[in-house]
Amino acid sequence: MNACDKKASALLTKAKFTADGTERANLLNKAEVMLADDVWSVPVFSRPAYLINANKVKGVLKNPTQQGSTWNSETWSVTS
């Protein structure tokens, strides 16, 4: 999983430091096309998981990665 597209990376780096929104969008679109042409892997499996919380806790979402259930805890809220 150490794939690297140097041309796409150069476009992404250039886009990071481009102030003009239209030019930045063009750079990002070009990089996206390059990366889509060389798709290294497509996820076809999502690990089944359960997420249980009290009804008073809002904003809890199941994380599709393996980072755990508190990945977005800064957006949680508790109602009385």
PDB file of N, CA and C in Angstrom:
ATOM      1  N   MET A   1       0.814  -1.195   0.000  1.00  0.00           N
ATOM      2  CA  MET A   1       0.000   0.000   0.000  1.00  0.00           C
ATOM      3  C   MET A   1       0.859   1.261   0.000  1.00  0.00           C
ATOM      4  N   ASN A   2       2.000   1.217  -0.585  1.00  0.00           N
ATOM      5  CA  ASN A   2       2.871   2.385  -0.659  1.00  0.00           C
ATOM      6  C   ASN A   2       2.863   2.989  -2.052  1.00  0.00           C
ATOM      7  N   ALA A   3       1.706   3.029  -2.676  1.00  0.00           N
ATOM      8  CA  ALA A   3       1.594   3.573  -4.025  1.00  0.00           C
ATOM      9  C   ALA A   3       1.816   5.080  -3.999  1.00  0.00           C
ATOM     10  N   CYS A   4       2.383   5.598  -5.073  1.00  0.00           N
ATOM     11  CA  CYS A   4       2.640   7.026  -5.167  1.00  0.00           C
ATOM     12  C   CYS A   4       2.577   7.452  -6.625  1.00  0.00           C
ATOM     13  N   ASP A   5       1.807   8.475  -6.902  1.00  0.00           N
ATOM     14  CA  ASP A   5       1.760   9.066  -8.235  1.00  0.00           C
ATOM     15  C   ASP A   5       2.410  10.436  -8.106  1.00  0.00           C
ATOM     16  N   LYS A   6       3.646  10.543  -8.560  1.00  0.00           N
ATOM     17  CA  LYS A   6       4.419  11.778  -8.373  1.00  0.00           C
ATOM     18  C   LYS A   6       3.801  12.967  -9.092  1.00  0.00           C
ATOM     19  N   LYS A   7       3.215  12.741 -10.259  1.00  0.00           N
ATOM     20  CA  LYS A   7       2.593  13.844 -10.997  1.00  0.00           C
ATOM     21  C   LYS A   7       1.354  14.354 -10.252  1.00  0.00           C
ATOM     22  N   ALA A   8       0.524  13.430  -9.770  1.00  0.00           N
ATOM     23  CA  ALA A   8      -0.665  13.832  -9.016  1.00  0.00           C
ATOM     24  C   ALA A   8      -0.258  14.509  -7.705  1.00  0.00           C
ATOM     25  N   SER A   9       0.764  13.981  -7.044  1.00  0.00           N
ATOM     26  CA  SER A   9       1.245  14.595  -5.802  1.00  0.00           C
ATOM     27  C   SER A   9       1.743  16.016  -6.037  1.00  0.00           C
ATOM     28  N   ALA A  10       2.415  16.238  -7.168  1.00  0.00           N
ATOM     29  CA  ALA A  10       2.901  17.578  -7.495  1.00  0.00           C
ATOM     30  C   ALA A  10       1.729  18.531  -7.704  1.00  0.00           C
ATOM     31  N   LEU A  11       0.670  18.060  -8.368  1.00  0.00           N
ATOM     32  CA  LEU A  11      -0.509  18.899  -8.567  1.00  0.00           C
ATOM     33  C   LEU A  11      -1.188  19.218  -7.236  1.00  0.00           C
ATOM     34  N   LEU A  12      -1.281  18.232  -6.351  1.00  0.00           N
ATOM     35  CA  LEU A  12      -1.896  18.449  -5.044  1.00  0.00           C
ATOM     36  C   LEU A  12      -1.094  19.436  -4.211  1.00  0.00           C
ATOM     37  N   THR A  13       0.227  19.324  -4.269  1.00  0.00           N
ATOM     38  CA  THR A  13       1.087  20.260  -3.542  1.00  0.00           C
ATOM     39  C   THR A  13       0.926  21.672  -4.094  1.00  0.00           C
ATOM     40  N   LYS A  14       0.889  21.789  -5.414  1.00  0.00           N
ATOM     41  CA  LYS A  14       0.717  23.105  -6.039  1.00  0.00           C
ATOM     42  C   LYS A  14      -0.641  23.697  -5.666  1.00  0.00           C
ATOM     43  N   ALA A  15      -1.675  22.865  -5.654  1.00  0.00           N
ATOM     44  CA  ALA A  15      -3.021  23.327  -5.299  1.00  0.00           C
ATOM     45  C   ALA A  15      -3.069  23.833  -3.863  1.00  0.00           C
ATOM     46  N   LYS A  16      -2.303  23.198  -2.989  1.00  0.00           N
ATOM     47  CA  LYS A  16      -2.288  23.595  -1.581  1.00  0.00           C
ATOM     48  C   LYS A  16      -1.829  25.044  -1.409  1.00  0.00           C
ATOM     49  N   PHE A  17      -0.973  25.508  -2.282  1.00  0.00           N
ATOM     50  CA  PHE A  17      -0.404  26.847  -2.170  1.00  0.00           C
ATOM     51  C   PHE A  17      -0.919  27.812  -3.246  1.00  0.00           C
ATOM     52  N   THR A  18      -2.034  27.449  -3.898  1.00  0.00           N
ATOM     53  CA  THR A  18      -2.616  28.300  -4.935  1.00  0.00           C
ATOM     54  C   THR A  18      -3.795  29.077  -4.349  1.00  0.00           C
ATOM     55  N   ALA A  19      -3.704  30.386  -4.376  1.00  0.00           N
ATOM     56  CA  ALA A  19      -4.737  31.233  -3.782  1.00  0.00           C
ATOM     57  C   ALA A  19      -5.983  31.360  -4.662  1.00  0.00           C
ATOM     58  N   ASP A  20      -5.811  31.346  -5.968  1.00  0.00           N
ATOM     59  CA  ASP A  20      -6.938  31.505  -6.887  1.00  0.00           C
ATOM     60  C   ASP A  20      -7.817  30.257  -6.857  1.00  0.00           C
ATOM     61  N   GLY A  21      -9.072  30.435  -6.492  1.00  0.00           N
ATOM     62  CA  GLY A  21      -9.988  29.298  -6.348  1.00  0.00           C
ATOM     63  C   GLY A  21     -10.214  28.513  -7.619  1.00  0.00           C
ATOM     64  N   THR A  22     -10.343  29.196  -8.736  1.00  0.00           N
ATOM     65  CA  THR A  22     -10.576  28.517 -10.009  1.00  0.00           C
ATOM     66  C   THR A  22      -9.368  27.691 -10.420  1.00  0.00           C
ATOM     67  N   GLU A  23      -8.190  28.283 -10.285  1.00  0.00           N
ATOM     68  CA  GLU A  23      -6.965  27.555 -10.636  1.00  0.00           C
ATOM     69  C   GLU A  23      -6.758  26.359  -9.704  1.00  0.00           C
ATOM     70  N   ARG A  24      -7.038  26.563  -8.396  1.00  0.00           N
ATOM     71  CA  ARG A  24      -6.899  25.466  -7.430  1.00  0.00           C
ATOM     72  C   ARG A  24      -7.854  24.328  -7.768  1.00  0.00           C
ATOM     73  N   ALA A  25      -9.097  24.662  -8.130  1.00  0.00           N
ATOM     74  CA  ALA A  25     -10.077  23.638  -8.502  1.00  0.00           C
ATOM     75  C   ALA A  25      -9.613  22.869  -9.732  1.00  0.00           C
ATOM     76  N   ASN A  26      -9.046  23.569 -10.710  1.00  0.00           N
ATOM     77  CA  ASN A  26      -8.533  22.895 -11.913  1.00  0.00           C
ATOM     78  C   ASN A  26      -7.411  21.930 -11.569  1.00  0.00           C
ATOM     79  N   LEU A  27      -6.500  22.364 -10.694  1.00  0.00           N
ATOM     80  CA  LEU A  27      -5.393  21.489 -10.282  1.00  0.00           C
ATOM     81  C   LEU A  27      -5.921  20.252  -9.559  1.00  0.00           C
ATOM     82  N   LEU A  28      -6.872  20.462  -8.649  1.00  0.00           N
ATOM     83  CA  LEU A  28      -7.437  19.333  -7.903  1.00  0.00           C
ATOM     84  C   LEU A  28      -8.185  18.378  -8.824  1.00  0.00           C
ATOM     85  N   ASN A  29      -8.920  18.927  -9.792  1.00  0.00           N
ATOM     86  CA  ASN A  29      -9.639  18.066 -10.739  1.00  0.00           C
ATOM     87  C   ASN A  29      -8.681  17.236 -11.582  1.00  0.00           C
ATOM     88  N   LYS A  30      -7.579  17.839 -12.022  1.00  0.00           N
ATOM     89  CA  LYS A  30      -6.585  17.093 -12.805  1.00  0.00           C
ATOM     90  C   LYS A  30      -5.975  15.971 -11.975  1.00  0.00           C
ATOM     91  N   ALA A  31      -5.644  16.275 -10.720  1.00  0.00           N
ATOM     92  CA  ALA A  31      -5.070  15.255  -9.839  1.00  0.00           C
ATOM     93  C   ALA A  31      -6.073  14.138  -9.589  1.00  0.00           C
ATOM     94  N   GLU A  32      -7.332  14.484  -9.415  1.00  0.00           N
ATOM     95  CA  GLU A  32      -8.373  13.482  -9.180  1.00  0.00           C
ATOM     96  C   GLU A  32      -8.506  12.530 -10.357  1.00  0.00           C
ATOM     97  N   VAL A  33      -8.457  13.070 -11.558  1.00  0.00           N
ATOM     98  CA  VAL A  33      -8.552  12.227 -12.762  1.00  0.00           C
ATOM     99  C   VAL A  33      -7.367  11.270 -12.821  1.00  0.00           C
ATOM    100  N   MET A  34      -6.168  11.786 -12.543  1.00  0.00           N
ATOM    101  CA  MET A  34      -4.971  10.925 -12.553  1.00  0.00           C
ATOM    102  C   MET A  34      -5.099   9.802 -11.539  1.00  0.00           C
ATOM    103  N   LEU A  35      -5.548  10.134 -10.335  1.00  0.00           N
ATOM    104  CA  LEU A  35      -5.666   9.119  -9.286  1.00  0.00           C
ATOM    105  C   LEU A  35      -6.775   8.121  -9.599  1.00  0.00           C
ATOM    106  N   ALA A  36      -7.874   8.587 -10.184  1.00  0.00           N
ATOM    107  CA  ALA A  36      -8.974   7.691 -10.534  1.00  0.00           C
ATOM    108  C   ALA A  36      -8.569   6.717 -11.636  1.00  0.00           C
ATOM    109  N   ASP A  37      -7.701   7.167 -12.533  1.00  0.00           N
ATOM    110  CA  ASP A  37      -7.229   6.289 -13.599  1.00  0.00           C
ATOM    111  C   ASP A  37      -6.369   5.154 -13.066  1.00  0.00           C
ATOM    112  N   ASP A  38      -5.728   5.374 -11.931  1.00  0.00           N
ATOM    113  CA  ASP A  38      -4.832   4.377 -11.348  1.00  0.00           C
ATOM    114  C   ASP A  38      -5.339   3.877 -10.001  1.00  0.00           C
ATOM    115  N   VAL A  39      -6.633   3.623  -9.900  1.00  0.00           N
ATOM    116  CA  VAL A  39      -7.191   3.170  -8.625  1.00  0.00           C
ATOM    117  C   VAL A  39      -6.451   1.918  -8.181  1.00  0.00           C
ATOM    118  N   TRP A  40      -5.848   2.004  -6.992  1.00  0.00           N
ATOM    119  CA  TRP A  40      -5.051   0.886  -6.489  1.00  0.00           C
ATOM    120  C   TRP A  40      -5.912  -0.137  -5.767  1.00  0.00           C
ATOM    121  N   SER A  41      -6.947   0.340  -5.123  1.00  0.00           N
ATOM    122  CA  SER A  41      -7.842  -0.600  -4.463  1.00  0.00           C
ATOM    123  C   SER A  41      -9.206   0.047  -4.285  1.00  0.00           C
ATOM    124  N   VAL A  42     -10.220  -0.771  -4.292  1.00  0.00           N
ATOM    125  CA  VAL A  42     -11.573  -0.304  -4.067  1.00  0.00           C
ATOM    126  C   VAL A  42     -12.125  -1.107  -2.896  1.00  0.00           C
ATOM    127  N   PRO A  43     -12.490  -0.429  -1.808  1.00  0.00           N
ATOM    128  CA  PRO A  43     -13.012  -1.170  -0.658  1.00  0.00           C
ATOM    129  C   PRO A  43     -14.352  -1.818  -1.007  1.00  0.00           C
ATOM    130  N   VAL A  44     -14.445  -3.101  -0.788  1.00  0.00           N
ATOM    131  CA  VAL A  44     -15.681  -3.816  -1.083  1.00  0.00           C
ATOM    132  C   VAL A  44     -16.240  -4.485   0.166  1.00  0.00           C
ATOM    133  N   PHE A  45     -15.643  -4.180   1.319  1.00  0.00           N
ATOM    134  CA  PHE A  45     -16.075  -4.804   2.555  1.00  0.00           C
ATOM    135  C   PHE A  45     -16.049  -3.769   3.665  1.00  0.00           C
ATOM    136  N   SER A  46     -17.077  -3.765   4.460  1.00  0.00           N
ATOM    137  CA  SER A  46     -17.118  -2.915   5.644  1.00  0.00           C
ATOM    138  C   SER A  46     -17.411  -3.815   6.831  1.00  0.00           C
ATOM    139  N   ARG A  47     -16.568  -3.742   7.837  1.00  0.00           N
ATOM    140  CA  ARG A  47     -16.725  -4.596   9.013  1.00  0.00           C
ATOM    141  C   ARG A  47     -18.037  -4.266   9.720  1.00  0.00           C
ATOM    142  N   PRO A  48     -18.891  -5.268   9.954  1.00  0.00           N
ATOM    143  CA  PRO A  48     -20.131  -5.014  10.690  1.00  0.00           C
ATOM    144  C   PRO A  48     -19.795  -4.563  12.114  1.00  0.00           C
ATOM    145  N   ALA A  49     -20.537  -3.587  12.595  1.00  0.00           N
ATOM    146  CA  ALA A  49     -20.286  -3.087  13.944  1.00  0.00           C
ATOM    147  C   ALA A  49     -21.575  -2.574  14.553  1.00  0.00           C
ATOM    148  N   TYR A  50     -21.610  -2.563  15.870  1.00  0.00           N
ATOM    149  CA  TYR A  50     -22.734  -2.025  16.609  1.00  0.00           C
ATOM    150  C   TYR A  50     -22.289  -0.760  17.314  1.00  0.00           C
ATOM    151  N   LEU A  51     -23.195   0.183  17.427  1.00  0.00           N
ATOM    152  CA  LEU A  51     -22.920   1.416  18.142  1.00  0.00           C
ATOM    153  C   LEU A  51     -24.123   1.689  19.034  1.00  0.00           C
ATOM    154  N   ILE A  52     -23.904   1.603  20.336  1.00  0.00           N
ATOM    155  CA  ILE A  52     -24.994   1.755  21.293  1.00  0.00           C
ATOM    156  C   ILE A  52     -24.719   2.978  22.152  1.00  0.00           C
ATOM    157  N   ASN A  53     -25.721   3.838  22.284  1.00  0.00           N
ATOM    158  CA  ASN A  53     -25.593   5.002  23.154  1.00  0.00           C
ATOM    159  C   ASN A  53     -26.965   5.395  23.674  1.00  0.00           C
ATOM    160  N   ALA A  54     -26.988   6.202  24.720  1.00  0.00           N
ATOM    161  CA  ALA A  54     -28.248   6.671  25.297  1.00  0.00           C
ATOM    162  C   ALA A  54     -28.933   7.624  24.336  1.00  0.00           C
ATOM    163  N   ASN A  55     -30.259   7.682  24.391  1.00  0.00           N
ATOM    164  CA  ASN A  55     -31.021   8.576  23.521  1.00  0.00           C
ATOM    165  C   ASN A  55     -30.679  10.039  23.768  1.00  0.00           C
ATOM    166  N   LYS A  56     -30.179  10.357  24.967  1.00  0.00           N
ATOM    167  CA  LYS A  56     -29.827  11.738  25.294  1.00  0.00           C
ATOM    168  C   LYS A  56     -28.544  12.186  24.597  1.00  0.00           C
ATOM    169  N   VAL A  57     -27.755  11.254  24.129  1.00  0.00           N
ATOM    170  CA  VAL A  57     -26.498  11.593  23.462  1.00  0.00           C
ATOM    171  C   VAL A  57     -26.760  11.719  21.964  1.00  0.00           C
ATOM    172  N   LYS A  58     -26.485  12.896  21.412  1.00  0.00           N
ATOM    173  CA  LYS A  58     -26.727  13.168  19.996  1.00  0.00           C
ATOM    174  C   LYS A  58     -25.401  13.344  19.258  1.00  0.00           C
ATOM    175  N   GLY A  59     -25.368  12.994  17.980  1.00  0.00           N
ATOM    176  CA  GLY A  59     -24.191  13.198  17.151  1.00  0.00           C
ATOM    177  C   GLY A  59     -23.250  12.010  17.064  1.00  0.00           C
ATOM    178  N   VAL A  60     -23.589  10.911  17.713  1.00  0.00           N
ATOM    179  CA  VAL A  60     -22.729   9.725  17.667  1.00  0.00           C
ATOM    180  C   VAL A  60     -22.948   9.027  16.329  1.00  0.00           C
ATOM    181  N   LEU A  61     -21.865   8.811  15.602  1.00  0.00           N
ATOM    182  CA  LEU A  61     -21.941   8.150  14.305  1.00  0.00           C
ATOM    183  C   LEU A  61     -20.987   6.970  14.247  1.00  0.00           C
ATOM    184  N   LYS A  62     -21.400   5.926  13.549  1.00  0.00           N
ATOM    185  CA  LYS A  62     -20.515   4.774  13.368  1.00  0.00           C
ATOM    186  C   LYS A  62     -19.389   5.156  12.424  1.00  0.00           C
ATOM    187  N   ASN A  63     -18.181   4.885  12.832  1.00  0.00           N
ATOM    188  CA  ASN A  63     -17.008   5.195  12.018  1.00  0.00           C
ATOM    189  C   ASN A  63     -16.767   4.053  11.039  1.00  0.00           C
ATOM    190  N   PRO A  64     -16.679   4.336   9.742  1.00  0.00           N
ATOM    191  CA  PRO A  64     -16.460   3.280   8.766  1.00  0.00           C
ATOM    192  C   PRO A  64     -15.037   2.716   8.779  1.00  0.00           C
ATOM    193  N   THR A  65     -14.115   3.357   9.499  1.00  0.00           N
ATOM    194  CA  THR A  65     -12.755   2.842   9.589  1.00  0.00           C
ATOM    195  C   THR A  65     -12.613   2.044  10.875  1.00  0.00           C
ATOM    196  N   GLN A  66     -11.399   1.714  11.246  1.00  0.00           N
ATOM    197  CA  GLN A  66     -11.158   0.964  12.477  1.00  0.00           C
ATOM    198  C   GLN A  66     -10.661   1.869  13.598  1.00  0.00           C
ATOM    199  N   GLN A  67     -10.952   3.170  13.533  1.00  0.00           N
ATOM    200  CA  GLN A  67     -10.444   4.122  14.518  1.00  0.00           C
ATOM    201  C   GLN A  67     -11.219   4.114  15.825  1.00  0.00           C
ATOM    202  N   GLY A  68     -12.364   3.485  15.881  1.00  0.00           N
ATOM    203  CA  GLY A  68     -13.120   3.427  17.124  1.00  0.00           C
ATOM    204  C   GLY A  68     -14.326   4.356  17.100  1.00  0.00           C
ATOM    205  N   SER A  69     -15.164   4.228  18.125  1.00  0.00           N
ATOM    206  CA  SER A  69     -16.430   4.948  18.133  1.00  0.00           C
ATOM    207  C   SER A  69     -16.330   6.394  18.596  1.00  0.00           C
ATOM    208  N   THR A  70     -15.212   6.814  19.152  1.00  0.00           N
ATOM    209  CA  THR A  70     -15.101   8.199  19.635  1.00  0.00           C
ATOM    210  C   THR A  70     -14.449   9.123  18.617  1.00  0.00           C
ATOM    211  N   TRP A  71     -14.366   8.720  17.379  1.00  0.00           N
ATOM    212  CA  TRP A  71     -13.672   9.489  16.344  1.00  0.00           C
ATOM    213  C   TRP A  71     -14.260  10.877  16.131  1.00  0.00           C
ATOM    214  N   ASN A  72     -15.556  11.076  16.400  1.00  0.00           N
ATOM    215  CA  ASN A  72     -16.164  12.398  16.207  1.00  0.00           C
ATOM    216  C   ASN A  72     -16.739  12.947  17.508  1.00  0.00           C
ATOM    217  N   SER A  73     -16.152  12.598  18.629  1.00  0.00           N
ATOM    218  CA  SER A  73     -16.696  12.977  19.927  1.00  0.00           C
ATOM    219  C   SER A  73     -16.788  14.485  20.137  1.00  0.00           C
ATOM    220  N   GLU A  74     -16.015  15.272  19.394  1.00  0.00           N
ATOM    221  CA  GLU A  74     -16.102  16.724  19.541  1.00  0.00           C
ATOM    222  C   GLU A  74     -17.428  17.274  19.047  1.00  0.00           C
ATOM    223  N   THR A  75     -18.202  16.472  18.308  1.00  0.00           N
ATOM    224  CA  THR A  75     -19.501  16.932  17.807  1.00  0.00           C
ATOM    225  C   THR A  75     -20.666  16.403  18.641  1.00  0.00           C
ATOM    226  N   TRP A  76     -20.381  15.590  19.647  1.00  0.00           N
ATOM    227  CA  TRP A  76     -21.437  15.022  20.472  1.00  0.00           C
ATOM    228  C   TRP A  76     -22.057  16.078  21.378  1.00  0.00           C
ATOM    229  N   SER A  77     -23.308  15.855  21.739  1.00  0.00           N
ATOM    230  CA  SER A  77     -23.964  16.699  22.730  1.00  0.00           C
ATOM    231  C   SER A  77     -24.890  15.830  23.581  1.00  0.00           C
ATOM    232  N   VAL A  78     -25.178  16.310  24.779  1.00  0.00           N
ATOM    233  CA  VAL A  78     -26.056  15.575  25.691  1.00  0.00           C
ATOM    234  C   VAL A  78     -27.217  16.492  26.057  1.00  0.00           C
ATOM    235  N   THR A  79     -28.428  15.966  25.908  1.00  0.00           N
ATOM    236  CA  THR A  79     -29.626  16.720  26.274  1.00  0.00           C
ATOM    237  C   THR A  79     -30.142  16.240  27.611  1.00  0.00           C
ATOM    238  N   SER A  80     -30.859  17.097  28.288  1.00  0.00           N
ATOM    239  CA  SER A  80     -31.418  16.741  29.616  1.00  0.00           C
ATOM    240  C   SER A  80     -32.651  15.902  29.491  1.00  0.00           C
TER     241      SER A  80
END
